């Protein structure tokens, strides 16, 4: 079957044609490979055998590289043990102990298969612990969960009752006043603040105190919990996560993405007095926390344990940071050579950089973003965003910069002649939009 045949079959059998909206056709240029068949290291292949250097890396979940043999073998060993047992397995206990040992503020753990499950569990725990309803989430951070408490706060909120949507409030990153205002407006009603420690913007010091620490202090002053969503920052910013880097200890923390190199593992961890509300060794009212048949599936947790071991022995985060610095410098230098530095740049943390695409009026523009991705694909580089891995090497860097050189030449022409003259098909669309 050809790519287009697989694509048609996908839409005939899967709502939206993919199981993640950000993998959908509408979030990629029309020349993107519509379906992938396999991957190895930093490369992916479509169904017709075309190879691409990949910077999507399984939506940032693959940090060591695709089909990493040591991780795959560790997972297979767990499968041969039975994979999913009737009582708790030694594998899940080892995995929980390893995560607790990794960060001292993690005293209890619950595993699940995806990040949405554990962020929602954190929200439930916060409400149970505080006896309050309202949740405050960071406005600038794009995604926390597919569950109603978050989706109801977005513009794509069809199907979510207003009664639920109204229970989630928003604050602005690095704006402590916006948090203070909410605690003042809703006294004794806010259960928790949930946020990513860092995305493209770093936490600032406010009156000599790091913003993350200020958020935690504000939470505790007002009787709320501080929840750190480390889905992306965990196992990328540092093996212990961004909270470790910024020396803040959240009450609850969630991990996912790269913790098992593409295997389906997510985790909720935190203070035992909060986490134990979902336990059985107390005399209070019970909280139904995470309880899933496949949450502690042994193959995924075996993959996590092996991934953690590789991180500890090979300093994976340092590699991503070093590669990211060279990539940022190289792409920004090329933007300068082509005279488009005011319109295209690579910014953010070196271990997780992002490219910014502006139009001739220096406004963020999806058409120009589509154009850049389109031109990179023409040169066999799939870069919907920039997710780095231990498998990206110097040869990949050269290929990437060669592709970017050609792409930015077209970008410059589009600034002069109009982007529509170079765009092949419709522009990409954001996931969160009201209409298709």
Protein backbone atom coordinates (compact mmCIF):
# COMPACT_ATOMS: atom_id res chain seq x y z
CA UNK A 1 0.00 0.00 0.00
CA UNK A 2 1.11 3.55 -0.76
CA UNK A 3 1.28 6.38 1.76
CA UNK A 4 -2.04 7.79 0.54
CA UNK A 5 -3.76 4.41 0.89
CA UNK A 6 -2.63 4.10 4.49
CA UNK A 7 -3.71 7.70 5.10
CA UNK A 8 -7.18 7.02 3.71
CA UNK A 9 -7.50 3.86 5.78
CA UNK A 10 -6.49 5.82 8.88
CA UNK A 11 -9.32 8.29 8.36
CA UNK A 12 -11.78 5.51 7.63
CA UNK A 13 -11.00 3.74 10.89
CA UNK A 14 -9.68 6.34 13.37
CA UNK A 15 -11.44 9.53 14.46
CA UNK A 16 -9.19 12.32 13.20
CA UNK A 17 -6.89 9.85 11.48
CA UNK A 18 -4.54 9.58 14.48
CA UNK A 19 -4.71 8.91 18.19
CA UNK A 20 -3.11 12.23 19.13
CA UNK A 21 -4.36 15.52 17.67
CA UNK A 22 -0.81 16.81 17.26
CA UNK A 23 -0.08 13.84 14.96
CA UNK A 24 -3.01 14.74 12.69
CA UNK A 25 -2.80 15.81 9.05
CA UNK A 26 -3.93 19.35 9.89
CA UNK A 27 -0.88 19.99 12.10
CA UNK A 28 1.61 19.22 9.30
CA UNK A 29 2.30 20.65 5.82
CA UNK A 30 0.77 18.72 2.97
CA UNK A 31 4.16 17.37 1.84
CA UNK A 32 4.77 15.69 5.21
CA UNK A 33 4.90 11.89 5.26
CA UNK A 34 1.30 11.06 6.23
CA UNK A 35 2.08 7.69 7.79
CA UNK A 36 5.28 6.24 9.25
CA UNK A 37 6.16 2.56 9.26
CA UNK A 38 9.27 2.28 11.42
CA UNK A 39 12.10 4.14 13.11
CA UNK A 40 15.65 3.63 14.34
CA UNK A 41 17.86 6.03 16.26
CA UNK A 42 16.99 9.52 15.01
CA UNK A 43 15.47 8.36 11.69
CA UNK A 44 11.93 7.48 10.60
CA UNK A 45 10.65 5.84 7.41
CA UNK A 46 7.31 6.23 5.67
CA UNK A 47 5.43 3.36 4.06
CA UNK A 48 7.16 3.96 0.72
CA UNK A 49 10.66 3.67 2.14
CA UNK A 50 11.49 7.39 2.31
CA UNK A 51 13.79 8.20 5.22
CA UNK A 52 13.67 11.37 7.34
CA UNK A 53 15.83 12.74 10.12
CA UNK A 54 13.28 13.20 12.90
CA UNK A 55 12.91 15.95 15.47
CA UNK A 56 9.45 14.95 16.66
CA UNK A 57 10.84 11.88 18.49
CA UNK A 58 7.48 10.35 19.39
CA UNK A 59 6.06 13.67 20.61
CA UNK A 60 9.13 14.12 22.82
CA UNK A 61 8.72 10.70 24.45
CA UNK A 62 11.85 9.17 22.86
CA UNK A 63 14.96 10.62 24.49
CA UNK A 64 17.52 7.87 23.87
CA UNK A 65 16.58 7.12 20.27
CA UNK A 66 14.07 4.92 18.50
CA UNK A 67 14.36 1.15 18.96
CA UNK A 68 17.12 1.44 21.57
CA UNK A 69 18.09 -2.22 21.89
CA UNK A 70 18.89 -2.22 25.61
CA UNK A 71 15.52 -0.71 26.49
CA UNK A 72 13.64 -2.97 24.08
CA UNK A 73 15.34 -6.05 25.49
CA UNK A 74 14.57 -5.00 29.06
CA UNK A 75 10.91 -4.60 28.11
CA UNK A 76 10.90 -7.99 26.37
CA UNK A 77 12.36 -9.66 29.45
CA UNK A 78 9.43 -8.33 31.46
CA UNK A 79 6.96 -9.59 28.86
CA UNK A 80 8.40 -13.07 29.26
CA UNK A 81 7.82 -12.83 33.03
CA UNK A 82 4.11 -12.46 32.39
CA UNK A 83 3.85 -8.69 31.81
CA UNK A 84 0.70 -8.11 33.90
CA UNK A 85 0.25 -10.13 37.09
CA UNK A 86 -2.62 -10.67 39.52
CA UNK A 87 -0.84 -9.04 42.49
CA UNK A 88 1.78 -6.25 42.56
CA UNK A 89 4.91 -7.29 40.68
CA UNK A 90 8.46 -6.95 41.89
CA UNK A 91 9.06 -4.84 38.77
CA UNK A 92 6.54 -2.15 39.72
CA UNK A 93 7.92 -2.03 43.26
CA UNK A 94 11.48 -1.62 41.96
CA UNK A 95 10.29 1.12 39.60
CA UNK A 96 8.47 2.97 42.38
CA UNK A 97 11.49 2.71 44.69
CA UNK A 98 13.77 4.01 41.93
CA UNK A 99 11.57 7.06 41.37
CA UNK A 100 11.37 7.78 45.10
CA UNK A 101 15.15 7.50 45.34
CA UNK A 102 15.61 9.87 42.42
CA UNK A 103 14.00 12.87 44.15
CA UNK A 104 13.63 13.24 47.94
CA UNK A 105 10.28 15.03 47.66
CA UNK A 106 8.76 11.92 46.05
CA UNK A 107 7.61 9.77 48.97
CA UNK A 108 4.88 7.81 47.19
CA UNK A 109 4.28 6.90 43.54
CA UNK A 110 1.39 5.85 41.31
CA UNK A 111 2.08 4.73 37.73
CA UNK A 112 -0.24 5.07 34.75
CA UNK A 113 -0.05 4.82 30.96
CA UNK A 114 -0.33 8.51 30.00
CA UNK A 115 0.20 11.97 31.38
CA UNK A 116 -3.45 13.01 31.37
CA UNK A 117 -4.29 10.28 33.87
CA UNK A 118 -1.72 11.38 36.43
CA UNK A 119 -2.31 15.13 36.14
CA UNK A 120 -6.03 14.51 36.69
CA UNK A 121 -5.17 12.29 39.66
CA UNK A 122 -3.06 15.12 41.08
CA UNK A 123 -5.99 17.51 40.71
CA UNK A 124 -8.33 15.05 42.46
CA UNK A 125 -5.87 14.58 45.31
CA UNK A 126 -5.48 18.32 45.77
CA UNK A 127 -9.24 18.75 45.97
CA UNK A 128 -9.55 15.88 48.44
CA UNK A 129 -6.66 17.13 50.61
CA UNK A 130 -7.86 20.73 50.77
CA UNK A 131 -11.62 20.22 50.55
CA UNK A 132 -11.71 22.89 47.83
CA UNK A 133 -12.96 22.92 44.24
CA UNK A 134 -10.98 25.45 42.20
CA UNK A 135 -7.86 24.60 40.23
CA UNK A 136 -5.50 27.25 38.83
CA UNK A 137 -3.41 26.41 35.77
CA UNK A 138 -0.79 28.36 33.84
CA UNK A 139 -2.34 30.09 30.84
CA UNK A 140 0.80 29.95 28.68
CA UNK A 141 1.37 26.23 29.08
CA UNK A 142 -0.38 24.44 26.22
CA UNK A 143 -1.55 21.11 27.59
CA UNK A 144 -2.16 19.34 30.88
CA UNK A 145 -4.82 16.69 30.27
CA UNK A 146 -7.55 15.48 27.93
CA UNK A 147 -9.90 15.43 30.92
CA UNK A 148 -12.66 17.97 31.46
CA UNK A 149 -10.97 19.98 34.21
CA UNK A 150 -8.39 21.19 31.65
CA UNK A 151 -10.18 20.92 28.28
CA UNK A 152 -13.04 22.95 29.69
CA UNK A 153 -10.63 25.86 30.12
CA UNK A 154 -9.67 25.86 26.43
CA UNK A 155 -11.57 27.11 23.40
CA UNK A 156 -12.05 23.51 22.24
CA UNK A 157 -14.43 22.85 25.13
CA UNK A 158 -17.43 21.36 23.37
CA UNK A 159 -18.92 18.55 25.49
CA UNK A 160 -17.66 19.97 28.79
CA UNK A 161 -20.38 21.39 31.07
CA UNK A 162 -19.92 25.01 32.09
CA UNK A 163 -20.17 23.91 35.72
CA UNK A 164 -16.88 22.06 35.24
CA UNK A 165 -15.21 24.68 33.05
CA UNK A 166 -15.82 27.36 35.68
CA UNK A 167 -13.78 25.42 38.23
CA UNK A 168 -10.47 25.98 36.40
CA UNK A 169 -8.87 29.42 36.57
CA UNK A 170 -5.74 30.72 34.85
CA UNK A 171 -2.68 32.78 35.75
CA UNK A 172 0.24 34.15 33.74
CA UNK A 173 3.73 32.70 33.95
CA UNK A 174 6.29 34.86 35.80
CA UNK A 175 3.42 37.11 36.96
CA UNK A 176 3.07 36.62 40.70
CA UNK A 177 0.51 39.40 40.87
CA UNK A 178 -1.90 37.36 38.73
CA UNK A 179 -1.69 34.57 41.32
CA UNK A 180 -2.08 36.91 44.26
CA UNK A 181 -5.16 38.38 42.60
CA UNK A 182 -6.78 34.95 42.25
CA UNK A 183 -6.15 33.99 45.87
CA UNK A 184 -7.63 37.34 46.89
CA UNK A 185 -10.67 36.97 44.63
CA UNK A 186 -11.33 33.35 45.64
CA UNK A 187 -10.29 33.06 49.31
CA UNK A 188 -10.23 29.54 50.73
CA UNK A 189 -11.53 28.13 47.43
CA UNK A 190 -8.38 27.22 45.47
CA UNK A 191 -7.17 23.64 45.88
CA UNK A 192 -3.97 23.81 43.81
CA UNK A 193 -1.88 25.53 41.20
CA UNK A 194 -0.61 23.30 38.40
CA UNK A 195 2.09 24.40 35.99
CA UNK A 196 5.14 23.29 34.05
CA UNK A 197 8.33 24.50 35.74
CA UNK A 198 9.56 25.92 32.43
CA UNK A 199 8.74 25.94 28.73
CA UNK A 200 10.19 28.51 26.35
CA UNK A 201 10.31 31.13 29.12
CA UNK A 202 12.49 30.62 32.18
CA UNK A 203 11.34 31.35 35.73
CA UNK A 204 12.49 34.78 36.87
CA UNK A 205 13.69 35.88 40.27
CA UNK A 206 11.13 38.09 41.98
CA UNK A 207 12.51 40.02 44.95
CA UNK A 208 15.40 37.59 45.07
CA UNK A 209 13.17 34.52 45.08
CA UNK A 210 12.77 32.19 42.11
CA UNK A 211 9.27 32.39 40.59
CA UNK A 212 8.62 28.69 41.15
CA UNK A 213 9.46 28.98 44.82
CA UNK A 214 7.27 32.08 45.03
CA UNK A 215 4.35 30.15 43.55
CA UNK A 216 4.83 27.35 46.08
CA UNK A 217 5.03 29.82 48.97
CA UNK A 218 1.90 31.59 47.75
CA UNK A 219 0.10 28.24 47.57
CA UNK A 220 1.06 27.24 51.09
CA UNK A 221 0.27 30.67 52.49
CA UNK A 222 -3.24 30.29 51.11
CA UNK A 223 -3.77 26.62 51.97
CA UNK A 224 -3.34 25.25 48.44
CA UNK A 225 -1.00 22.65 46.94
CA UNK A 226 1.71 23.24 44.34
CA UNK A 227 1.67 20.71 41.46
CA UNK A 228 4.58 20.58 39.01
CA UNK A 229 3.86 19.02 35.61
CA UNK A 230 7.23 17.64 34.49
CA UNK A 231 5.95 15.68 31.48
CA UNK A 232 8.40 17.45 29.19
CA UNK A 233 11.01 18.86 31.58
CA UNK A 234 11.48 15.61 33.48
CA UNK A 235 14.32 13.47 32.07
CA UNK A 236 15.20 16.28 29.65
CA UNK A 237 16.15 19.37 31.66
CA UNK A 238 17.86 17.07 34.15
CA UNK A 239 17.55 13.41 35.10
CA UNK A 240 15.79 14.69 38.24
CA UNK A 241 13.74 17.26 36.35
CA UNK A 242 13.48 21.03 36.24
CA UNK A 243 12.34 21.26 39.87
CA UNK A 244 15.74 19.93 40.88
CA UNK A 245 17.48 22.52 38.71
CA UNK A 246 15.49 25.36 40.25
CA UNK A 247 15.62 23.91 43.77
CA UNK A 248 11.90 23.80 44.41
CA UNK A 249 10.10 20.83 45.94
CA UNK A 250 6.51 20.52 44.70
CA UNK A 251 3.79 18.91 46.79
CA UNK A 252 2.89 16.72 43.82
CA UNK A 253 4.79 16.09 40.59
CA UNK A 254 3.91 14.30 37.36
CA UNK A 255 6.25 12.67 34.83
CA UNK A 256 5.82 10.97 31.47
CA UNK A 257 7.20 11.43 27.95
CA UNK A 258 10.87 10.45 28.00
CA UNK A 259 10.99 8.46 31.23
CA UNK A 260 10.75 5.12 29.37
CA UNK A 261 12.07 6.04 25.91
CA UNK A 262 8.74 5.83 24.12
CA UNK A 263 7.11 3.12 26.20
CA UNK A 264 3.82 4.08 27.78
CA UNK A 265 4.72 5.11 31.32
CA UNK A 266 3.61 8.10 33.36
CA UNK A 267 3.90 8.73 37.08
CA UNK A 268 2.40 10.77 39.87
CA UNK A 269 4.58 11.31 42.90
CA UNK A 270 4.66 13.49 45.96
CA UNK A 271 4.23 13.99 49.68
CA UNK A 272 3.10 10.89 51.51
CA UNK A 273 0.46 12.76 53.56
CA UNK A 274 -1.21 13.78 50.31
CA UNK A 275 -0.58 10.62 48.30
CA UNK A 276 -1.73 8.37 51.14
CA UNK A 277 -5.27 9.70 50.83
CA UNK A 278 -5.43 7.23 47.94
CA UNK A 279 -4.05 4.44 50.12
CA UNK A 280 -5.57 1.91 52.50
CA UNK A 281 -3.60 2.53 55.69
CA UNK A 282 -5.65 5.36 57.15
CA UNK A 283 -9.00 5.64 58.90
CA UNK A 284 -10.30 8.64 56.97
CA UNK A 285 -12.62 8.87 53.99
CA UNK A 286 -11.29 6.98 50.97
CA UNK A 287 -10.11 8.67 47.76
CA UNK A 288 -10.34 6.65 44.56
CA UNK A 289 -6.99 7.56 43.03
CA UNK A 290 -5.37 5.94 39.97
CA UNK A 291 -6.56 2.36 39.56
CA UNK A 292 -5.83 0.96 36.11
CA UNK A 293 -5.38 -2.59 34.87
CA UNK A 294 -2.37 -1.69 32.73
CA UNK A 295 -0.89 1.13 34.81
CA UNK A 296 1.88 -1.07 36.18
CA UNK A 297 2.39 -3.13 33.04
CA UNK A 298 5.80 -4.68 33.49
CA UNK A 299 7.23 -4.12 30.00
CA UNK A 300 6.87 -0.33 30.32
CA UNK A 301 8.30 -0.24 33.83
CA UNK A 302 11.18 -2.48 32.77
CA UNK A 303 11.84 0.02 29.98
CA UNK A 304 11.76 2.83 32.55
CA UNK A 305 14.28 1.11 34.81
CA UNK A 306 16.66 0.49 31.91
CA UNK A 307 16.20 4.05 30.61
CA UNK A 308 16.99 5.40 34.06
CA UNK A 309 20.12 3.24 34.21
CA UNK A 310 21.30 4.54 30.83
CA UNK A 311 20.68 8.13 31.94
CA UNK A 312 22.75 7.56 35.05
CA UNK A 313 25.63 5.96 33.17
CA UNK A 314 25.76 8.07 30.00
CA UNK A 315 24.67 11.60 31.00
CA UNK A 316 21.93 11.81 28.38
CA UNK A 317 20.73 15.25 29.45
CA UNK A 318 24.20 16.75 28.94
CA UNK A 319 24.28 15.37 25.40
CA UNK A 320 20.89 16.90 24.55
CA UNK A 321 21.98 20.21 26.02
CA UNK A 322 25.28 20.21 24.10
CA UNK A 323 23.63 19.24 20.81
CA UNK A 324 20.89 21.80 21.33
CA UNK A 325 23.40 24.60 21.84
CA UNK A 326 25.14 23.77 18.57
CA UNK A 327 21.80 23.50 16.76
CA UNK A 328 20.60 26.85 18.10
CA UNK A 329 23.84 28.59 17.25
CA UNK A 330 23.98 27.07 13.79
CA UNK A 331 20.40 27.85 12.81
CA UNK A 332 20.52 31.38 14.21
CA UNK A 333 23.80 31.97 12.37
CA UNK A 334 22.16 30.84 9.12
CA UNK A 335 19.24 33.18 9.77
CA UNK A 336 21.77 35.99 10.03
CA UNK A 337 23.52 34.96 6.81
CA UNK A 338 20.20 35.09 4.96
CA UNK A 339 19.19 38.36 6.59
CA UNK A 340 16.09 36.95 8.29
CA UNK A 341 17.15 37.08 11.94
CA UNK A 342 14.32 39.49 12.71
CA UNK A 343 11.82 36.96 11.36
CA UNK A 344 13.22 33.54 12.21
CA UNK A 345 15.07 32.42 15.32
CA UNK A 346 15.66 29.42 17.55
CA UNK A 347 15.10 30.19 21.20
CA UNK A 348 14.53 28.54 24.57
CA UNK A 349 16.37 25.98 26.66
CA UNK A 350 19.20 24.30 24.77
CA UNK A 351 17.91 20.83 25.66
CA UNK A 352 14.49 21.74 24.24
CA UNK A 353 14.77 24.66 21.81
CA UNK A 354 11.98 25.97 19.63
CA UNK A 355 11.92 27.92 16.38
CA UNK A 356 10.00 31.19 16.06
CA UNK A 357 8.52 32.16 12.70
CA UNK A 358 7.39 35.73 12.06
CA UNK A 359 5.89 37.36 8.97
CA UNK A 360 7.06 40.57 7.30
CA UNK A 361 5.28 42.56 10.03
CA UNK A 362 7.18 40.61 12.69
CA UNK A 363 4.01 38.88 13.87
CA UNK A 364 3.83 35.18 14.70
CA UNK A 365 2.62 33.41 11.58
CA UNK A 366 1.47 29.82 11.00
CA UNK A 367 1.92 30.23 7.24
CA UNK A 368 5.62 30.94 7.69
CA UNK A 369 5.92 28.15 10.22
CA UNK A 370 4.33 25.81 7.69
CA UNK A 371 6.69 27.06 4.99
CA UNK A 372 9.78 26.36 7.09
CA UNK A 373 8.61 22.85 8.04
CA UNK A 374 7.64 22.21 4.41
CA UNK A 375 11.08 23.16 3.14
CA UNK A 376 12.84 21.10 5.80
CA UNK A 377 10.77 18.08 4.75
CA UNK A 378 11.87 18.62 1.14
CA UNK A 379 15.38 18.07 2.45
CA UNK A 380 14.37 14.95 4.39
CA UNK A 381 14.27 16.56 7.82
CA UNK A 382 11.00 16.17 9.74
CA UNK A 383 10.95 19.07 12.19
CA UNK A 384 7.43 19.88 13.44
CA UNK A 385 9.21 21.18 16.54
CA UNK A 386 12.60 20.37 18.07
CA UNK A 387 12.76 17.35 20.34
CA UNK A 388 16.32 16.16 20.88
CA UNK A 389 17.61 12.74 21.83
CA UNK A 390 20.83 10.94 22.66
CA UNK A 391 20.75 9.50 19.13
CA UNK A 392 21.17 12.86 17.40
CA UNK A 393 24.82 13.12 16.39
CA UNK A 394 27.23 15.37 14.51
CA UNK A 395 26.19 13.98 11.13
CA UNK A 396 22.55 14.73 11.97
CA UNK A 397 23.56 18.26 12.90
CA UNK A 398 25.24 18.76 9.54
CA UNK A 399 22.22 17.40 7.68
CA UNK A 400 19.93 19.65 9.69
CA UNK A 401 21.94 22.81 9.09
CA UNK A 402 22.24 22.06 5.37
CA UNK A 403 18.46 21.67 5.20
CA UNK A 404 17.92 24.84 7.25
CA UNK A 405 20.24 26.77 4.93
CA UNK A 406 18.05 25.85 1.96
CA UNK A 407 14.82 26.40 3.88
CA UNK A 408 15.79 29.87 5.07
CA UNK A 409 16.67 30.90 1.52
CA UNK A 410 13.07 30.18 0.56
CA UNK A 411 11.91 31.89 3.77
CA UNK A 412 13.70 35.07 2.68
CA UNK A 413 12.09 34.93 -0.75
CA UNK A 414 8.69 34.49 0.85
CA UNK A 415 9.22 37.57 3.00
CA UNK A 416 9.95 39.58 -0.15
CA UNK A 417 7.45 38.02 -2.56
CA UNK A 418 4.68 36.83 -0.25
CA UNK A 419 4.43 33.51 1.57
CA UNK A 420 1.49 32.28 -0.52
CA UNK A 421 3.77 32.14 -3.56
CA UNK A 422 5.89 29.46 -1.87
CA UNK A 423 3.44 27.61 0.35
CA UNK A 424 2.32 24.32 -1.18
CA UNK A 425 -1.18 23.73 0.16
CA UNK A 426 -2.98 24.92 3.27
CA UNK A 427 -1.13 26.14 6.37
CA UNK A 428 -0.94 24.04 9.51
CA UNK A 429 -3.57 24.64 12.18
CA UNK A 430 -3.34 24.76 15.97
CA UNK A 431 -4.87 21.85 17.89
CA UNK A 432 -6.94 24.08 20.12
CA UNK A 433 -9.35 25.89 17.81
CA UNK A 434 -13.12 26.25 17.88
CA UNK A 435 -13.86 25.11 14.33
CA UNK A 436 -12.14 22.74 11.91
